[in-house]
């Protein structure tokens, strides 16, 4: 359980009341929770999954130490029929599932993970090569993190965009958005639209 507030005395009060009713252990200030690392300074706090990425790369057992500057090639169009089917898709599914959780703190991989997750039922060698590209990108950007400054304003800003019929298989579009609270990114998503759009308006 995470207890948060800007009043330390109230946090202590809540902990005391919980201790009266339940057997609990106070682990102190939040540092690590479900694979997410939290660090706090006088300027603000940041969250990352650096150790999670290191463990993921170790499980992936990449055969080289190469890094790549982008998680996916520009304007790449992946189709279900690209390449040869993988003899055992279990590894692909496991790695993509891990990337889905990693996208909690890494909005920069949200789009490629969305694309790769569409092929988990029948992945091919081409899909797997694009998956390895994302992993090599993560190796080179291991220390990236989300920072939430204490001085940030409370003004909400939202940005959205959509493609037009970008999926060559079903002609459906992709929508994406991100939401900022002041200078802090607090929400983001990439999703395929449920219907075929006739325009980008």
N, C-alpha and C. Protein backbone atom coordinates (compact mmCIF):
# COMPACT_ATOMS: atom_id res chain seq x y z
N UNK A 1 0.84 -1.17 0.00
CA UNK A 1 0.00 0.00 0.00
C UNK A 1 0.89 1.25 0.00
N UNK A 2 0.55 2.20 -0.85
CA UNK A 2 1.28 3.47 -0.90
C UNK A 2 0.40 4.55 -0.29
N UNK A 3 0.92 5.27 0.68
CA UNK A 3 0.20 6.38 1.30
C UNK A 3 0.93 7.66 0.92
N UNK A 4 0.23 8.60 0.33
CA UNK A 4 0.87 9.83 -0.10
C UNK A 4 0.02 11.04 0.26
N UNK A 5 0.71 12.13 0.62
CA UNK A 5 0.06 13.39 0.97
C UNK A 5 1.17 14.42 1.13
N UNK A 6 0.80 15.69 1.11
CA UNK A 6 1.82 16.72 1.31
C UNK A 6 1.96 17.10 2.78
N UNK A 7 1.23 16.39 3.66
CA UNK A 7 1.28 16.66 5.09
C UNK A 7 1.85 15.44 5.82
N UNK A 8 3.12 15.46 6.25
CA UNK A 8 3.73 14.31 6.92
C UNK A 8 3.00 13.90 8.20
N UNK A 9 2.45 14.88 8.92
CA UNK A 9 1.75 14.55 10.16
C UNK A 9 0.49 13.74 9.89
N UNK A 10 -0.20 14.07 8.81
CA UNK A 10 -1.42 13.33 8.48
C UNK A 10 -1.08 11.92 8.02
N UNK A 11 0.04 11.78 7.30
CA UNK A 11 0.48 10.44 6.89
C UNK A 11 0.77 9.59 8.14
N UNK A 12 1.43 10.18 9.12
CA UNK A 12 1.74 9.47 10.36
C UNK A 12 0.45 9.07 11.08
N UNK A 13 -0.55 9.95 11.05
CA UNK A 13 -1.84 9.65 11.68
C UNK A 13 -2.52 8.47 10.99
N UNK A 14 -2.52 8.47 9.66
CA UNK A 14 -3.15 7.38 8.92
C UNK A 14 -2.43 6.06 9.21
N UNK A 15 -1.10 6.09 9.23
CA UNK A 15 -0.34 4.87 9.53
C UNK A 15 -0.67 4.33 10.91
N UNK A 16 -0.81 5.23 11.87
CA UNK A 16 -1.12 4.81 13.25
C UNK A 16 -2.50 4.16 13.32
N UNK A 17 -3.46 4.74 12.62
CA UNK A 17 -4.81 4.15 12.62
C UNK A 17 -4.82 2.79 11.94
N UNK A 18 -4.06 2.65 10.87
CA UNK A 18 -4.00 1.36 10.18
C UNK A 18 -3.33 0.31 11.06
N UNK A 19 -2.27 0.74 11.80
CA UNK A 19 -1.58 -0.18 12.69
C UNK A 19 -2.50 -0.67 13.81
N UNK A 20 -3.45 0.17 14.22
CA UNK A 20 -4.39 -0.23 15.27
C UNK A 20 -5.32 -1.34 14.80
N UNK A 21 -5.60 -1.37 13.50
CA UNK A 21 -6.57 -2.32 12.97
C UNK A 21 -5.94 -3.53 12.26
N UNK A 22 -4.73 -3.34 11.72
CA UNK A 22 -4.12 -4.40 10.91
C UNK A 22 -2.67 -4.61 11.32
N UNK A 23 -2.18 -5.83 11.05
CA UNK A 23 -0.77 -6.12 11.23
C UNK A 23 -0.05 -5.61 9.99
N UNK A 24 0.80 -4.60 10.14
CA UNK A 24 1.46 -4.01 8.98
C UNK A 24 2.88 -3.61 9.31
N UNK A 25 3.69 -3.50 8.27
CA UNK A 25 5.08 -3.08 8.40
C UNK A 25 5.28 -1.81 7.60
N UNK A 26 5.87 -0.80 8.22
CA UNK A 26 6.17 0.46 7.54
C UNK A 26 7.53 0.34 6.87
N UNK A 27 7.55 0.38 5.54
CA UNK A 27 8.80 0.24 4.80
C UNK A 27 9.49 1.57 4.54
N UNK A 28 8.94 2.65 5.08
CA UNK A 28 9.56 3.96 4.92
C UNK A 28 9.21 4.64 3.61
N UNK A 29 10.00 5.62 3.22
CA UNK A 29 9.72 6.36 1.98
C UNK A 29 9.70 5.44 0.76
N UNK A 30 8.83 5.74 -0.17
CA UNK A 30 8.67 4.92 -1.36
C UNK A 30 9.94 4.98 -2.23
N UNK A 31 10.51 3.81 -2.53
CA UNK A 31 11.70 3.73 -3.40
C UNK A 31 11.48 2.77 -4.56
N UNK A 32 10.75 1.69 -4.32
CA UNK A 32 10.60 0.65 -5.33
C UNK A 32 9.23 0.00 -5.14
N UNK A 33 8.45 -0.09 -6.23
CA UNK A 33 7.10 -0.65 -6.12
C UNK A 33 6.73 -1.33 -7.43
N UNK A 34 6.53 -2.65 -7.40
CA UNK A 34 6.11 -3.42 -8.58
C UNK A 34 6.99 -3.16 -9.80
N UNK A 35 8.28 -3.13 -9.59
CA UNK A 35 9.21 -2.93 -10.70
C UNK A 35 9.44 -1.48 -11.09
N UNK A 36 8.80 -0.56 -10.39
CA UNK A 36 8.94 0.87 -10.69
C UNK A 36 9.79 1.51 -9.61
N UNK A 37 10.87 2.18 -10.04
CA UNK A 37 11.77 2.86 -9.11
C UNK A 37 11.33 4.31 -8.95
N UNK A 38 11.25 4.77 -7.73
CA UNK A 38 10.84 6.15 -7.43
C UNK A 38 11.97 6.83 -6.68
N UNK A 39 12.43 7.98 -7.20
CA UNK A 39 13.47 8.74 -6.50
C UNK A 39 12.97 10.17 -6.31
N UNK A 40 13.27 10.71 -5.16
CA UNK A 40 12.76 12.04 -4.80
C UNK A 40 13.91 12.97 -4.45
N UNK A 41 13.80 14.22 -4.93
CA UNK A 41 14.77 15.27 -4.59
C UNK A 41 13.99 16.51 -4.19
N UNK A 42 14.70 17.57 -3.85
CA UNK A 42 14.03 18.82 -3.49
C UNK A 42 13.33 19.45 -4.68
N UNK A 43 13.76 19.10 -5.91
CA UNK A 43 13.14 19.66 -7.12
C UNK A 43 11.89 18.91 -7.56
N UNK A 44 11.75 17.67 -7.15
CA UNK A 44 10.62 16.86 -7.57
C UNK A 44 10.95 15.39 -7.44
N UNK A 45 10.19 14.56 -8.12
CA UNK A 45 10.50 13.14 -8.08
C UNK A 45 10.41 12.54 -9.48
N UNK A 46 11.08 11.43 -9.66
CA UNK A 46 11.10 10.77 -10.96
C UNK A 46 10.80 9.30 -10.78
N UNK A 47 10.25 8.70 -11.84
CA UNK A 47 9.97 7.27 -11.83
C UNK A 47 10.63 6.64 -13.05
N UNK A 48 11.11 5.43 -12.87
CA UNK A 48 11.76 4.71 -13.97
C UNK A 48 11.63 3.22 -13.71
N UNK A 49 12.03 2.44 -14.71
CA UNK A 49 12.05 0.98 -14.58
C UNK A 49 13.39 0.44 -15.07
N UNK A 50 14.45 1.08 -14.64
CA UNK A 50 15.79 0.72 -15.11
C UNK A 50 16.13 -0.73 -14.78
N UNK A 51 15.89 -1.15 -13.55
CA UNK A 51 16.21 -2.54 -13.17
C UNK A 51 15.32 -3.51 -13.94
N UNK A 52 14.07 -3.14 -14.14
CA UNK A 52 13.14 -3.99 -14.90
C UNK A 52 13.66 -4.18 -16.33
N UNK A 53 14.17 -3.10 -16.95
CA UNK A 53 14.71 -3.19 -18.31
C UNK A 53 15.95 -4.09 -18.32
N UNK A 54 16.83 -3.94 -17.32
CA UNK A 54 18.02 -4.79 -17.25
C UNK A 54 17.65 -6.26 -17.15
N UNK A 55 16.64 -6.56 -16.33
CA UNK A 55 16.18 -7.95 -16.20
C UNK A 55 15.57 -8.44 -17.51
N UNK A 56 14.82 -7.56 -18.18
CA UNK A 56 14.20 -7.92 -19.46
C UNK A 56 15.26 -8.22 -20.51
N UNK A 57 16.29 -7.38 -20.58
CA UNK A 57 17.38 -7.61 -21.54
C UNK A 57 18.13 -8.90 -21.23
N UNK A 58 18.28 -9.20 -19.96
CA UNK A 58 18.96 -10.45 -19.58
C UNK A 58 18.13 -11.66 -20.02
N UNK A 59 16.80 -11.57 -19.85
CA UNK A 59 15.92 -12.67 -20.27
C UNK A 59 15.90 -12.80 -21.80
N UNK A 60 15.99 -11.66 -22.50
CA UNK A 60 15.95 -11.69 -23.97
C UNK A 60 17.22 -12.29 -24.54
N UNK A 61 18.34 -12.21 -23.80
CA UNK A 61 19.62 -12.80 -24.20
C UNK A 61 20.00 -12.39 -25.62
N UNK A 62 20.06 -11.08 -25.87
CA UNK A 62 20.48 -10.59 -27.18
C UNK A 62 21.93 -11.00 -27.43
N UNK A 63 22.23 -11.36 -28.65
CA UNK A 63 23.55 -11.89 -28.95
C UNK A 63 24.62 -10.84 -29.18
N UNK A 64 24.29 -9.56 -29.04
CA UNK A 64 25.29 -8.51 -29.26
C UNK A 64 25.01 -7.35 -28.31
N UNK A 65 25.86 -6.34 -28.38
CA UNK A 65 25.72 -5.18 -27.49
C UNK A 65 25.29 -3.93 -28.27
N UNK A 66 24.73 -4.11 -29.45
CA UNK A 66 24.33 -2.95 -30.26
C UNK A 66 23.19 -2.18 -29.62
N UNK A 67 23.17 -0.88 -29.90
CA UNK A 67 22.03 -0.04 -29.51
C UNK A 67 21.51 0.67 -30.75
N UNK A 68 20.26 1.12 -30.67
CA UNK A 68 19.61 1.79 -31.79
C UNK A 68 18.96 3.06 -31.26
N UNK A 69 18.96 4.11 -32.06
CA UNK A 69 18.49 5.42 -31.58
C UNK A 69 16.98 5.59 -31.59
N UNK A 70 16.27 4.77 -32.34
CA UNK A 70 14.79 4.88 -32.39
C UNK A 70 14.19 3.50 -32.18
N UNK A 71 13.02 3.42 -31.53
CA UNK A 71 12.43 2.11 -31.26
C UNK A 71 11.80 1.45 -32.48
N UNK A 72 11.48 2.24 -33.50
CA UNK A 72 10.87 1.67 -34.71
C UNK A 72 11.23 2.54 -35.90
N UNK A 73 11.37 1.91 -37.05
CA UNK A 73 11.67 2.67 -38.26
C UNK A 73 10.50 3.57 -38.62
N UNK A 74 10.80 4.68 -39.27
CA UNK A 74 9.77 5.63 -39.67
C UNK A 74 8.91 5.03 -40.78
N UNK A 75 7.59 5.19 -40.63
CA UNK A 75 6.60 4.76 -41.64
C UNK A 75 6.64 3.27 -41.95
N UNK A 76 7.10 2.46 -41.01
CA UNK A 76 7.10 1.02 -41.23
C UNK A 76 5.66 0.49 -41.19
N UNK A 77 5.34 -0.43 -42.08
CA UNK A 77 4.01 -1.03 -42.15
C UNK A 77 4.15 -2.53 -41.97
N UNK A 78 3.78 -3.04 -40.82
CA UNK A 78 3.87 -4.47 -40.55
C UNK A 78 2.53 -5.14 -40.86
N UNK A 79 2.61 -6.32 -41.46
CA UNK A 79 1.42 -7.09 -41.80
C UNK A 79 1.52 -8.48 -41.20
N UNK A 80 0.39 -9.15 -40.98
CA UNK A 80 0.44 -10.50 -40.41
C UNK A 80 1.18 -11.50 -41.28
N UNK A 81 1.25 -11.26 -42.58
CA UNK A 81 1.87 -12.23 -43.51
C UNK A 81 3.36 -11.97 -43.74
N UNK A 82 3.93 -10.93 -43.14
CA UNK A 82 5.35 -10.63 -43.32
C UNK A 82 6.21 -11.71 -42.67
N UNK A 83 7.16 -12.26 -43.40
CA UNK A 83 8.10 -13.22 -42.83
C UNK A 83 7.52 -14.61 -42.64
N UNK A 84 8.32 -15.47 -42.02
CA UNK A 84 7.92 -16.85 -41.75
C UNK A 84 7.42 -16.96 -40.30
N UNK A 85 6.39 -17.79 -40.08
CA UNK A 85 5.89 -17.97 -38.70
C UNK A 85 6.98 -18.49 -37.77
N UNK A 86 6.98 -17.99 -36.55
CA UNK A 86 7.94 -18.48 -35.56
C UNK A 86 7.56 -19.90 -35.14
N UNK A 87 8.53 -20.82 -35.05
CA UNK A 87 8.20 -22.18 -34.63
C UNK A 87 7.61 -22.23 -33.22
N UNK A 88 8.11 -21.36 -32.33
CA UNK A 88 7.58 -21.28 -30.96
C UNK A 88 7.35 -19.81 -30.62
N UNK A 89 6.08 -19.35 -30.63
CA UNK A 89 5.80 -17.93 -30.38
C UNK A 89 5.85 -17.53 -28.91
N UNK A 90 6.14 -18.46 -28.01
CA UNK A 90 6.09 -18.19 -26.57
C UNK A 90 7.03 -17.06 -26.18
N UNK A 91 8.25 -17.08 -26.70
CA UNK A 91 9.25 -16.05 -26.35
C UNK A 91 8.78 -14.67 -26.80
N UNK A 92 8.26 -14.59 -28.02
CA UNK A 92 7.74 -13.32 -28.54
C UNK A 92 6.63 -12.78 -27.62
N UNK A 93 5.69 -13.64 -27.27
CA UNK A 93 4.57 -13.22 -26.42
C UNK A 93 5.05 -12.76 -25.05
N UNK A 94 6.01 -13.47 -24.49
CA UNK A 94 6.54 -13.11 -23.18
C UNK A 94 7.21 -11.72 -23.22
N UNK A 95 8.03 -11.49 -24.25
CA UNK A 95 8.74 -10.22 -24.34
C UNK A 95 7.79 -9.06 -24.62
N UNK A 96 6.81 -9.26 -25.50
CA UNK A 96 5.85 -8.20 -25.77
C UNK A 96 5.02 -7.89 -24.52
N UNK A 97 4.63 -8.92 -23.78
CA UNK A 97 3.89 -8.70 -22.53
C UNK A 97 4.70 -7.88 -21.53
N UNK A 98 6.01 -8.15 -21.46
CA UNK A 98 6.89 -7.38 -20.58
C UNK A 98 6.99 -5.93 -21.04
N UNK A 99 7.02 -5.71 -22.35
CA UNK A 99 7.09 -4.35 -22.88
C UNK A 99 5.80 -3.57 -22.61
N UNK A 100 4.67 -4.26 -22.61
CA UNK A 100 3.40 -3.59 -22.31
C UNK A 100 3.46 -3.00 -20.90
N UNK A 101 4.00 -3.77 -19.95
CA UNK A 101 4.12 -3.25 -18.58
C UNK A 101 5.16 -2.14 -18.50
N UNK A 102 6.23 -2.27 -19.26
CA UNK A 102 7.28 -1.25 -19.26
C UNK A 102 6.76 0.09 -19.77
N UNK A 103 5.79 0.07 -20.66
CA UNK A 103 5.24 1.31 -21.22
C UNK A 103 4.56 2.17 -20.14
N UNK A 104 4.41 1.64 -18.92
CA UNK A 104 3.86 2.42 -17.81
C UNK A 104 4.72 3.65 -17.53
N UNK A 105 6.04 3.51 -17.69
CA UNK A 105 6.94 4.65 -17.45
C UNK A 105 7.71 5.07 -18.69
N UNK A 106 7.46 4.42 -19.83
CA UNK A 106 8.20 4.73 -21.04
C UNK A 106 7.24 5.03 -22.19
N UNK A 107 6.71 6.25 -22.25
CA UNK A 107 5.79 6.59 -23.33
C UNK A 107 6.43 6.53 -24.71
N UNK A 108 7.76 6.59 -24.77
CA UNK A 108 8.45 6.57 -26.05
C UNK A 108 8.34 5.22 -26.77
N UNK A 109 7.95 4.16 -26.05
CA UNK A 109 7.78 2.87 -26.71
C UNK A 109 6.30 2.50 -26.85
N UNK A 110 5.41 3.39 -26.49
CA UNK A 110 3.98 3.09 -26.53
C UNK A 110 3.52 2.69 -27.93
N UNK A 111 3.94 3.44 -28.95
CA UNK A 111 3.50 3.15 -30.31
C UNK A 111 4.05 1.81 -30.84
N UNK A 112 5.37 1.57 -30.79
CA UNK A 112 5.85 0.28 -31.29
C UNK A 112 5.31 -0.92 -30.52
N UNK A 113 5.10 -0.77 -29.22
CA UNK A 113 4.54 -1.88 -28.44
C UNK A 113 3.10 -2.15 -28.88
N UNK A 114 2.35 -1.09 -29.16
CA UNK A 114 0.99 -1.27 -29.66
C UNK A 114 1.00 -2.04 -30.98
N UNK A 115 1.92 -1.69 -31.87
CA UNK A 115 2.01 -2.37 -33.16
C UNK A 115 2.39 -3.83 -32.98
N UNK A 116 3.43 -4.09 -32.19
CA UNK A 116 3.93 -5.46 -32.01
C UNK A 116 2.93 -6.36 -31.29
N UNK A 117 2.13 -5.78 -30.41
CA UNK A 117 1.18 -6.59 -29.65
C UNK A 117 0.03 -7.10 -30.53
N UNK A 118 -0.14 -6.54 -31.72
CA UNK A 118 -1.21 -7.01 -32.61
C UNK A 118 -0.88 -8.36 -33.23
N UNK A 119 0.37 -8.81 -33.11
CA UNK A 119 0.79 -10.04 -33.77
C UNK A 119 1.11 -11.17 -32.79
N UNK A 120 0.70 -11.05 -31.54
CA UNK A 120 1.06 -12.07 -30.55
C UNK A 120 0.41 -13.42 -30.84
N UNK A 121 -0.71 -13.44 -31.55
CA UNK A 121 -1.36 -14.72 -31.85
C UNK A 121 -0.59 -15.53 -32.88
N UNK A 122 0.07 -14.85 -33.81
CA UNK A 122 0.83 -15.56 -34.85
C UNK A 122 2.03 -14.72 -35.29
N UNK A 123 3.03 -14.56 -34.44
CA UNK A 123 4.19 -13.73 -34.79
C UNK A 123 5.07 -14.40 -35.83
N UNK A 124 5.78 -13.57 -36.58
CA UNK A 124 6.69 -14.08 -37.61
C UNK A 124 8.11 -13.59 -37.33
N UNK A 125 9.03 -14.02 -38.17
CA UNK A 125 10.42 -13.62 -38.02
C UNK A 125 10.59 -12.11 -38.19
N UNK A 126 9.79 -11.51 -39.06
CA UNK A 126 9.87 -10.06 -39.27
C UNK A 126 9.39 -9.32 -38.03
N UNK A 127 8.29 -9.77 -37.44
CA UNK A 127 7.80 -9.13 -36.21
C UNK A 127 8.83 -9.25 -35.09
N UNK A 128 9.47 -10.43 -35.03
CA UNK A 128 10.48 -10.64 -33.98
C UNK A 128 11.68 -9.73 -34.17
N UNK A 129 12.08 -9.48 -35.42
CA UNK A 129 13.22 -8.58 -35.66
C UNK A 129 12.88 -7.16 -35.22
N UNK A 130 11.63 -6.73 -35.40
CA UNK A 130 11.23 -5.40 -34.93
C UNK A 130 11.16 -5.36 -33.40
N UNK A 131 10.80 -6.48 -32.79
CA UNK A 131 10.81 -6.57 -31.33
C UNK A 131 12.23 -6.41 -30.80
N UNK A 132 13.19 -7.06 -31.45
CA UNK A 132 14.59 -6.94 -31.03
C UNK A 132 15.09 -5.51 -31.18
N UNK A 133 14.58 -4.79 -32.18
CA UNK A 133 14.96 -3.39 -32.36
C UNK A 133 14.53 -2.56 -31.14
N UNK A 134 13.32 -2.81 -30.65
CA UNK A 134 12.84 -2.09 -29.46
C UNK A 134 13.74 -2.39 -28.27
N UNK A 135 14.14 -3.64 -28.12
CA UNK A 135 15.01 -4.02 -27.00
C UNK A 135 16.37 -3.34 -27.10
N UNK A 136 16.91 -3.25 -28.31
CA UNK A 136 18.20 -2.57 -28.49
C UNK A 136 18.07 -1.07 -28.21
N UNK A 137 16.93 -0.51 -28.57
CA UNK A 137 16.67 0.91 -28.24
C UNK A 137 16.64 1.10 -26.72
N UNK A 138 15.99 0.18 -26.03
CA UNK A 138 15.92 0.28 -24.57
C UNK A 138 17.30 0.16 -23.93
N UNK A 139 18.15 -0.69 -24.50
CA UNK A 139 19.50 -0.83 -23.97
C UNK A 139 20.25 0.50 -24.04
N UNK A 140 20.04 1.26 -25.12
CA UNK A 140 20.73 2.54 -25.27
C UNK A 140 20.09 3.68 -24.51
N UNK A 141 18.86 3.49 -24.02
CA UNK A 141 18.15 4.56 -23.29
C UNK A 141 17.73 4.07 -21.91
N UNK A 142 18.58 3.26 -21.33
CA UNK A 142 18.27 2.59 -20.06
C UNK A 142 17.91 3.55 -18.94
N UNK A 143 18.55 4.71 -18.91
CA UNK A 143 18.39 5.62 -17.77
C UNK A 143 17.30 6.68 -17.97
N UNK A 144 16.56 6.61 -19.08
CA UNK A 144 15.47 7.58 -19.26
C UNK A 144 14.41 7.39 -18.18
N UNK A 145 13.84 8.50 -17.73
CA UNK A 145 12.83 8.43 -16.67
C UNK A 145 11.84 9.57 -16.81
N UNK A 146 10.70 9.44 -16.16
CA UNK A 146 9.71 10.52 -16.12
C UNK A 146 9.97 11.37 -14.89
N UNK A 147 10.01 12.68 -15.09
CA UNK A 147 10.29 13.60 -13.97
C UNK A 147 9.06 14.47 -13.71
N UNK A 148 8.70 14.59 -12.44
CA UNK A 148 7.56 15.39 -12.03
C UNK A 148 8.04 16.49 -11.08
N UNK A 149 8.25 17.72 -11.59
CA UNK A 149 8.78 18.80 -10.75
C UNK A 149 7.77 19.26 -9.71
N UNK A 150 8.27 19.64 -8.53
CA UNK A 150 7.39 20.14 -7.48
C UNK A 150 6.80 21.50 -7.83
N UNK A 151 7.50 22.24 -8.69
CA UNK A 151 7.05 23.60 -9.03
C UNK A 151 6.09 23.62 -10.22
N UNK A 152 5.68 22.47 -10.70
CA UNK A 152 4.82 22.40 -11.89
C UNK A 152 3.46 23.04 -11.62
N UNK A 153 2.92 23.72 -12.63
CA UNK A 153 1.59 24.33 -12.49
C UNK A 153 0.53 23.24 -12.56
N UNK A 154 -0.72 23.60 -12.27
CA UNK A 154 -1.83 22.64 -12.30
C UNK A 154 -2.68 22.82 -13.56
N UNK A 155 -2.06 23.35 -14.61
CA UNK A 155 -2.78 23.54 -15.87
C UNK A 155 -2.72 22.25 -16.71
N UNK A 156 -3.89 21.76 -17.11
CA UNK A 156 -3.96 20.56 -17.93
C UNK A 156 -3.83 20.90 -19.40
N UNK A 157 -3.01 20.14 -20.10
CA UNK A 157 -2.87 20.27 -21.55
C UNK A 157 -2.95 18.89 -22.16
N UNK A 158 -3.72 18.76 -23.24
CA UNK A 158 -3.88 17.48 -23.89
C UNK A 158 -3.58 17.62 -25.37
N UNK A 159 -2.83 16.67 -25.91
CA UNK A 159 -2.51 16.66 -27.33
C UNK A 159 -2.97 15.32 -27.91
N UNK A 160 -3.53 15.36 -29.10
CA UNK A 160 -3.97 14.12 -29.74
C UNK A 160 -3.64 14.16 -31.22
N UNK A 161 -3.56 12.99 -31.81
CA UNK A 161 -3.29 12.88 -33.24
C UNK A 161 -3.87 11.55 -33.72
N UNK A 162 -4.05 11.44 -35.02
CA UNK A 162 -4.56 10.21 -35.60
C UNK A 162 -4.01 10.04 -37.00
N UNK A 163 -3.81 8.79 -37.38
CA UNK A 163 -3.42 8.49 -38.75
C UNK A 163 -4.70 8.24 -39.55
N UNK A 164 -4.57 8.18 -40.85
CA UNK A 164 -5.72 7.86 -41.70
C UNK A 164 -5.46 6.53 -42.40
N UNK A 165 -6.24 5.51 -42.03
CA UNK A 165 -6.17 4.19 -42.66
C UNK A 165 -4.73 3.67 -42.72
N UNK A 166 -4.02 3.78 -41.61
CA UNK A 166 -2.60 3.42 -41.60
C UNK A 166 -2.36 1.92 -41.58
N UNK A 167 -3.35 1.13 -41.16
CA UNK A 167 -3.17 -0.31 -41.14
C UNK A 167 -3.52 -0.87 -42.52
N UNK A 168 -2.53 -1.42 -43.21
CA UNK A 168 -2.75 -1.89 -44.57
C UNK A 168 -3.64 -3.13 -44.62
N UNK A 169 -3.83 -3.80 -43.48
CA UNK A 169 -4.64 -5.01 -43.46
C UNK A 169 -6.14 -4.71 -43.36
N UNK A 170 -6.51 -3.87 -42.39
CA UNK A 170 -7.94 -3.61 -42.19
C UNK A 170 -8.34 -2.15 -42.43
N UNK A 171 -7.37 -1.32 -42.86
CA UNK A 171 -7.62 0.09 -43.21
C UNK A 171 -8.11 0.92 -42.03
N UNK A 172 -7.90 0.44 -40.82
CA UNK A 172 -8.31 1.24 -39.66
C UNK A 172 -7.19 2.20 -39.25
N UNK A 173 -7.58 3.29 -38.60
CA UNK A 173 -6.65 4.33 -38.22
C UNK A 173 -6.15 4.11 -36.79
N UNK A 174 -5.06 4.78 -36.45
CA UNK A 174 -4.54 4.78 -35.08
C UNK A 174 -4.79 6.14 -34.45
N UNK A 175 -5.22 6.14 -33.22
CA UNK A 175 -5.36 7.37 -32.45
C UNK A 175 -4.34 7.36 -31.32
N UNK A 176 -3.87 8.54 -30.96
CA UNK A 176 -2.92 8.65 -29.86
C UNK A 176 -3.16 9.96 -29.13
N UNK A 177 -2.89 9.96 -27.82
CA UNK A 177 -3.00 11.20 -27.06
C UNK A 177 -2.00 11.20 -25.93
N UNK A 178 -1.68 12.38 -25.43
CA UNK A 178 -0.89 12.52 -24.22
C UNK A 178 -1.42 13.70 -23.43
N UNK A 179 -1.37 13.60 -22.12
CA UNK A 179 -1.92 14.62 -21.22
C UNK A 179 -0.82 15.09 -20.28
N UNK A 180 -0.66 16.40 -20.19
CA UNK A 180 0.32 17.02 -19.30
C UNK A 180 -0.39 17.78 -18.19
N UNK A 181 0.11 17.66 -16.98
CA UNK A 181 -0.31 18.51 -15.87
C UNK A 181 0.87 19.44 -15.61
N UNK A 182 0.74 20.68 -16.08
CA UNK A 182 1.88 21.58 -16.08
C UNK A 182 2.92 21.02 -17.05
N UNK A 183 4.14 20.80 -16.56
CA UNK A 183 5.18 20.22 -17.39
C UNK A 183 5.35 18.73 -17.23
N UNK A 184 4.42 18.07 -16.52
CA UNK A 184 4.54 16.65 -16.21
C UNK A 184 3.60 15.82 -17.07
N UNK A 185 4.15 14.84 -17.75
CA UNK A 185 3.34 13.91 -18.53
C UNK A 185 2.67 12.93 -17.58
N UNK A 186 1.34 12.89 -17.59
CA UNK A 186 0.62 12.05 -16.62
C UNK A 186 -0.20 10.94 -17.27
N UNK A 187 -0.49 11.03 -18.58
CA UNK A 187 -1.26 9.98 -19.24
C UNK A 187 -0.95 9.97 -20.73
N UNK A 188 -0.97 8.78 -21.33
CA UNK A 188 -0.73 8.66 -22.77
C UNK A 188 -1.29 7.32 -23.23
N UNK A 189 -1.62 7.25 -24.52
CA UNK A 189 -2.17 6.00 -25.07
C UNK A 189 -2.10 6.02 -26.58
N UNK A 190 -1.89 4.85 -27.16
CA UNK A 190 -2.00 4.63 -28.60
C UNK A 190 -2.99 3.50 -28.79
N UNK A 191 -3.98 3.70 -29.69
CA UNK A 191 -5.04 2.71 -29.84
C UNK A 191 -5.54 2.69 -31.28
N UNK A 192 -5.80 1.48 -31.77
CA UNK A 192 -6.41 1.36 -33.09
C UNK A 192 -7.90 1.68 -32.98
N UNK A 193 -8.42 2.47 -33.92
CA UNK A 193 -9.83 2.83 -33.90
C UNK A 193 -10.70 1.62 -34.22
N UNK A 194 -11.92 1.63 -33.70
CA UNK A 194 -12.80 0.47 -33.86
C UNK A 194 -13.51 0.45 -35.21
N UNK A 195 -13.57 1.58 -35.89
CA UNK A 195 -14.24 1.65 -37.18
C UNK A 195 -13.29 2.22 -38.23
N UNK A 196 -13.59 1.99 -39.48
CA UNK A 196 -12.77 2.53 -40.58
C UNK A 196 -13.17 3.98 -40.81
N UNK A 197 -12.20 4.89 -40.72
CA UNK A 197 -12.48 6.33 -40.91
C UNK A 197 -12.45 6.68 -42.38
N UNK A 198 -13.37 7.56 -42.77
CA UNK A 198 -13.39 8.03 -44.16
C UNK A 198 -12.53 9.28 -44.33
N UNK A 199 -12.18 9.94 -43.21
CA UNK A 199 -11.30 11.11 -43.28
C UNK A 199 -10.55 11.20 -41.97
N UNK A 200 -9.61 12.14 -41.92
CA UNK A 200 -8.81 12.33 -40.69
C UNK A 200 -9.37 13.43 -39.83
N UNK A 201 -10.52 14.01 -40.17
CA UNK A 201 -11.11 15.11 -39.41
C UNK A 201 -11.65 14.60 -38.08
